[in-house]
Protein backbone atom coordinates (compact mmCIF):
# COMPACT_ATOMS: atom_id res chain seq x y z
CA MET A 1 -30.27 11.78 45.84
CA LYS A 2 -32.24 11.05 43.49
CA PHE A 3 -30.96 10.23 40.13
CA ARG A 4 -33.67 11.83 37.23
CA ALA A 5 -32.84 11.06 33.56
CA LEU A 6 -30.08 9.19 34.01
CA SER A 7 -29.26 5.65 32.62
CA THR A 8 -28.57 2.61 34.69
CA VAL A 9 -24.51 2.28 34.00
CA GLY A 10 -23.84 -0.79 36.21
CA LEU A 11 -23.42 -4.37 35.96
CA VAL A 12 -26.27 -6.35 37.94
CA LEU A 13 -24.55 -9.51 39.18
CA GLY A 14 -27.71 -10.83 40.16
CA ILE A 15 -30.75 -8.41 62.01
CA SER A 16 -30.84 -5.67 63.69
CA LEU A 17 -28.55 -5.99 66.57
CA ALA A 18 -29.50 -4.85 70.11
CA SER A 19 -27.50 -2.14 71.72
CA CYS A 20 -26.99 0.02 75.02
CA ASP A 21 -27.05 3.75 73.67
CA PRO A 22 -25.22 6.17 72.50
CA GLY A 23 -24.06 3.31 70.11
CA ILE A 24 -21.13 0.23 71.53
CA PRO A 25 -19.00 -1.67 69.26
CA ALA A 26 -20.35 -4.86 68.06
CA THR A 27 -19.25 -7.74 70.41
CA PRO A 28 -15.97 -9.29 69.18
CA CYS A 29 -15.16 -12.74 68.05
CA PRO A 30 -13.60 -14.92 70.70
CA PRO A 31 -9.69 -15.80 70.65
CA PRO A 32 -9.01 -19.12 68.89
CA GLN A 33 -7.99 -21.54 71.68
CA ASP A 34 -6.12 -24.71 72.27
CA SER A 35 -6.92 -28.04 72.10
CA VAL A 36 -7.24 -29.26 75.63
CA SER A 37 -5.66 -32.02 74.34
CA GLY A 38 -2.72 -30.85 73.31
CA GLY A 39 -3.75 -30.98 69.80
CA SER A 40 -4.68 -28.42 66.75
CA THR A 41 -5.64 -25.03 67.78
CA VAL A 42 -9.56 -24.69 67.22
CA THR A 43 -10.77 -21.61 65.31
CA THR A 44 -13.72 -19.97 66.73
CA ASN A 45 -16.66 -19.20 63.50
CA CYS A 46 -17.06 -15.06 63.81
CA PRO A 47 -19.99 -13.89 61.84
CA ALA A 48 -19.54 -11.19 59.13
CA GLY A 49 -19.30 -8.20 61.08
CA ALA A 50 -19.08 -9.05 64.47
CA SER A 51 -15.05 -7.92 64.40
CA ASN A 52 -14.70 -4.40 64.99
CA GLY A 53 -18.30 -3.52 64.57
CA TYR A 54 -20.35 -0.69 65.63
CA SER A 55 -24.12 -0.77 66.23
CA THR A 56 -26.71 2.24 67.83
CA ASN A 57 -30.68 2.51 68.37
CA PHE A 58 -29.68 6.63 68.47
CA GLY A 59 -30.21 6.81 72.10
CA LEU A 60 -29.48 10.48 72.33
CA THR A 61 -30.37 13.71 71.27
CA GLU A 62 -27.74 15.41 68.78
CA ASN A 63 -27.71 18.05 65.85
CA PRO A 64 -25.02 17.09 64.74
CA ILE A 65 -25.16 13.12 65.16
CA SER A 66 -21.66 12.27 67.54
CA GLU A 67 -22.36 10.04 69.94
CA GLY A 68 -19.17 10.89 71.69
CA GLY A 69 -17.22 11.78 68.96
CA LYS A 70 -17.57 8.36 66.82
CA TRP A 71 -19.43 10.30 63.39
CA VAL A 72 -18.02 12.62 61.07
CA ALA A 73 -20.49 14.53 59.74
CA GLY A 74 -21.63 16.50 56.49
CA LYS A 75 -21.85 19.88 57.49
CA THR A 76 -19.14 19.89 60.35
CA ALA A 77 -16.01 17.95 58.08
CA GLY A 78 -17.72 18.67 54.70
CA LEU A 79 -19.04 22.24 54.84
CA ASP A 80 -20.59 21.23 51.79
CA TRP A 81 -23.64 19.30 52.61
CA ASN A 82 -25.64 18.78 55.45
CA ASN A 83 -25.42 17.18 59.00
CA PRO A 84 -27.50 14.48 60.17
CA GLN A 85 -29.85 14.52 63.86
CA THR A 86 -31.01 12.34 66.47
CA VAL A 87 -33.68 12.09 68.84
CA THR A 88 -34.01 8.90 71.00
CA GLY A 89 -34.66 6.26 68.40
CA GLU A 90 -33.93 8.18 65.37
CA VAL A 91 -32.07 9.47 62.97
CA TYR A 92 -32.61 11.85 59.87
CA ALA A 93 -32.04 14.64 57.94
CA SER A 94 -31.47 17.98 59.94
CA VAL A 95 -33.29 20.42 57.24
CA LEU A 96 -34.42 20.06 53.66
CA SER A 97 -31.58 19.37 50.84
CA GLY A 98 -31.89 22.26 48.61
CA ALA A 99 -32.53 24.79 51.34
CA SER A 100 -28.88 25.96 50.30
CA GLY A 101 -29.79 26.30 46.73
CA SER A 102 -28.13 23.11 45.51
CA ARG A 103 -30.24 20.08 45.71
CA TYR A 104 -27.27 17.69 46.14
CA ASP A 105 -26.45 19.15 49.83
CA ASP A 106 -27.46 15.51 51.60
CA SER A 107 -27.43 15.51 55.12
CA ILE A 108 -24.23 12.99 55.78
CA ALA A 109 -22.54 10.66 58.16
CA HIS A 110 -19.97 8.34 58.66
CA LEU A 111 -18.21 6.63 61.47
CA SER A 112 -14.91 8.31 62.52
CA THR A 113 -11.43 6.69 61.94
CA ALA A 114 -10.24 7.82 65.51
CA PHE A 115 -12.99 5.82 66.61
CA GLN A 116 -12.51 2.68 64.06
CA THR A 117 -10.96 1.91 61.30
CA LEU A 118 -13.09 -1.05 59.30
CA ASN A 119 -11.49 -2.77 56.48
CA ALA A 120 -12.67 -2.34 52.63
CA ASN A 121 -14.89 -5.29 52.86
CA GLN A 122 -17.75 -3.84 54.85
CA PHE A 123 -21.25 -3.33 55.39
CA ALA A 124 -24.08 -0.87 56.77
CA GLN A 125 -27.29 -2.09 57.55
CA GLY A 126 -30.35 0.23 59.04
CA THR A 127 -33.76 -0.57 60.14
CA VAL A 128 -36.06 1.93 58.85
CA TYR A 129 -38.16 4.47 60.54
CA ARG A 130 -41.12 5.96 58.59
CA ALA A 131 -44.45 7.33 59.65
CA SER A 132 -47.09 6.05 58.60
CA GLY A 133 -49.40 6.93 55.43
CA TYR A 134 -45.84 9.57 55.09
CA SER A 135 -45.03 10.11 51.14
CA ALA A 136 -42.76 12.67 49.96
CA SER A 137 -39.50 13.49 47.27
CA HIS A 138 -37.59 11.65 50.38
CA GLU A 139 -34.61 8.83 50.09
CA ILE A 140 -32.93 7.59 53.08
CA GLU A 141 -29.29 5.90 52.08
CA LEU A 142 -26.16 3.97 53.09
CA LEU A 143 -22.90 4.90 52.52
CA LEU A 144 -19.96 2.27 52.42
CA ARG A 145 -16.37 3.39 51.45
CA PHE A 146 -16.93 6.61 52.25
CA SER A 147 -14.61 9.80 53.50
CA ILE A 148 -16.02 13.57 54.18
CA GLY A 149 -13.46 16.64 54.16
CA ALA A 150 -13.19 19.70 53.38
CA HIS A 151 -15.28 20.65 50.02
CA ASP A 152 -14.99 16.85 49.37
CA ALA A 153 -17.37 13.76 50.04
CA HIS A 154 -16.90 10.09 48.25
CA GLY A 155 -17.80 6.83 48.67
CA TYR A 156 -20.85 4.65 47.67
CA GLU A 157 -24.09 5.85 48.40
CA ILE A 158 -27.23 2.84 48.21
CA LEU A 159 -30.42 4.66 48.56
CA TRP A 160 -34.14 3.76 49.55
CA GLY A 161 -36.90 6.15 47.94
CA VAL A 162 -39.90 6.37 50.02
CA SER A 163 -42.08 5.58 46.98
CA GLY A 164 -40.11 2.01 46.37
CA TYR A 165 -36.69 2.21 44.59
CA ILE A 166 -33.33 1.78 45.40
CA ALA A 167 -29.78 3.23 43.25
CA VAL A 168 -26.23 2.88 44.15
CA VAL A 169 -24.20 5.88 42.87
CA ARG A 170 -20.24 6.97 43.38
CA TRP A 171 -19.87 9.97 45.00
CA ASN A 172 -16.68 11.48 43.25
CA GLY A 173 -15.50 14.29 45.97
CA SER A 174 -17.07 18.24 44.77
CA SER A 175 -20.34 18.56 45.73
CA GLY A 176 -23.01 17.44 42.74
CA ASN A 177 -20.37 15.25 41.28
CA TYR A 178 -21.31 11.77 41.31
CA THR A 179 -21.64 8.89 38.98
CA ALA A 180 -25.08 6.85 38.79
CA ILE A 181 -23.42 3.25 38.84
CA TYR A 182 -26.87 1.10 39.11
CA ASP A 183 -30.74 3.28 39.20
CA PRO A 184 -33.46 0.37 37.69
CA GLY A 185 -36.45 2.96 38.61
CA ALA A 186 -39.45 2.70 40.11
CA GLY A 187 -40.63 -0.80 41.20
CA SER A 188 -37.14 -2.11 41.93
CA ILE A 189 -37.59 -2.63 45.47
CA PRO A 190 -40.58 -2.69 48.26
CA VAL A 191 -42.07 0.31 49.42
CA PRO A 192 -40.41 0.67 52.66
CA GLN A 193 -42.40 0.07 55.88
CA ASP A 194 -41.34 1.24 59.30
CA GLY A 195 -39.28 -1.70 60.48
CA ASP A 196 -37.86 -3.20 57.31
CA VAL A 197 -34.14 -3.41 57.30
CA LEU A 198 -31.76 -2.71 54.64
CA ARG A 199 -27.98 -3.84 54.35
CA ALA A 200 -25.41 -2.82 52.09
CA GLU A 201 -22.65 -5.36 51.68
CA ILE A 202 -18.90 -4.20 49.43
CA SER A 203 -16.57 -6.94 48.48
CA GLY A 204 -13.28 -6.35 46.32
CA THR A 205 -15.68 -4.55 43.48
CA VAL A 206 -19.07 -6.02 43.80
CA VAL A 207 -21.71 -4.19 46.19
CA THR A 208 -24.80 -6.88 47.16
CA VAL A 209 -27.70 -5.00 48.87
CA LYS A 210 -30.36 -7.07 50.58
CA ARG A 211 -33.70 -5.92 52.33
CA ASN A 212 -35.06 -8.06 55.25
CA GLY A 213 -32.48 -10.65 54.18
CA GLY A 214 -33.00 -11.63 50.63
CA ILE A 215 -31.40 -9.94 48.39
CA VAL A 216 -32.36 -7.03 46.10
CA ALA A 217 -28.93 -6.02 44.01
CA ARG A 218 -25.69 -7.55 43.27
CA VAL A 219 -23.82 -4.43 41.32
CA ASP A 220 -20.42 -4.36 40.32
CA VAL A 221 -18.82 -0.48 41.00
CA SER A 222 -15.99 -1.56 38.79
CA SER A 223 -18.36 -1.24 35.46
CA ALA A 224 -18.35 2.77 35.65
CA GLY A 225 -14.65 2.94 36.35
CA ASN A 226 -12.44 4.68 39.34
CA VAL A 227 -12.98 2.44 42.25
CA TRP A 228 -12.63 4.19 45.75
CA SER A 229 -11.23 1.16 48.08
CA SER A 230 -11.01 2.49 51.58
CA GLY A 231 -13.29 4.73 53.51
CA GLN A 232 -16.22 4.22 56.31
CA PRO A 233 -19.56 3.01 56.68
CA GLY A 234 -22.39 5.50 57.44
CA ILE A 235 -26.30 6.65 56.63
CA GLY A 236 -27.57 9.63 54.26
CA PHE A 237 -30.52 11.38 53.97
CA TRP A 238 -32.24 13.54 51.22
CA PRO A 239 -35.38 15.06 51.59
CA VAL A 240 -36.55 18.11 49.37
CA ASP A 241 -39.45 20.01 48.00
CA ASN A 242 -42.57 18.90 50.26
CA ALA A 243 -40.52 16.59 52.56
CA THR A 244 -40.37 16.22 56.63
CA PRO A 245 -37.23 15.40 57.45
CA LYS A 246 -37.94 13.25 60.36
CA ASN A 247 -41.04 11.51 58.94
CA TYR A 248 -38.29 8.81 57.35
CA GLY A 249 -35.16 8.16 58.52
CA TRP A 250 -33.11 5.01 60.55
CA LYS A 251 -34.25 3.66 64.18
CA SER A 252 -30.92 1.75 64.01
CA PHE A 253 -27.95 1.49 62.12
CA GLN A 254 -25.00 -1.53 62.61
CA ALA A 255 -21.99 -1.84 60.27
CA GLY A 256 -18.28 -3.87 60.61
CA ASN A 257 -16.56 -6.18 58.43
CA LEU A 258 -17.29 -8.64 56.23
């Protein structure tokens, strides 16, 4: 969702994994092994997010997204929002936001706790799909510590506008109830290109946003008051007005523990 005419509230502190579809859990870390000489235990290094993670290239055509029950979707579970949909190789909004009367009915979904519950310190990462030459009022989103229930959607949204801006926002529950934590405006991130990778991490109260591996922003979400301490990674979309939902979305997604 776009935060028009809102000032920045937050305190700024300064690759895609292949998978078989309909999405597979990321490869778990190997367990520690005893030394063959009978000495101390060997500790196996494990990259962040490799354990208890998920990766998908969206190999199915579904509306709403499900991938075998691994997702909780905004319209299906939340009622007041919309569902993302997939075709082979892409996920995007199922409808224009605002068509139902509310401009804040983003198409959203998060990984289901029935499939896998992730730690509070987590990441979400997506690879951009953007049609050549496309320009509109349109945002794609990564969600952190997110939860969707009937008439309730809360957690953190990290958005990337197609014209080149980012923002970090806290969803507070009911439709349209949100707090802009970081909203630096146009030019705060380059215009997204097809194949760009956006990664959002949250550790403690700090959200770190990375584009193609380079840090774009660090934001302390506690600067805006209430902090969500649990929830799941996910995705979202906000196409409005003259947008074409399918022209801007994600073509792969990964999430896991930090």
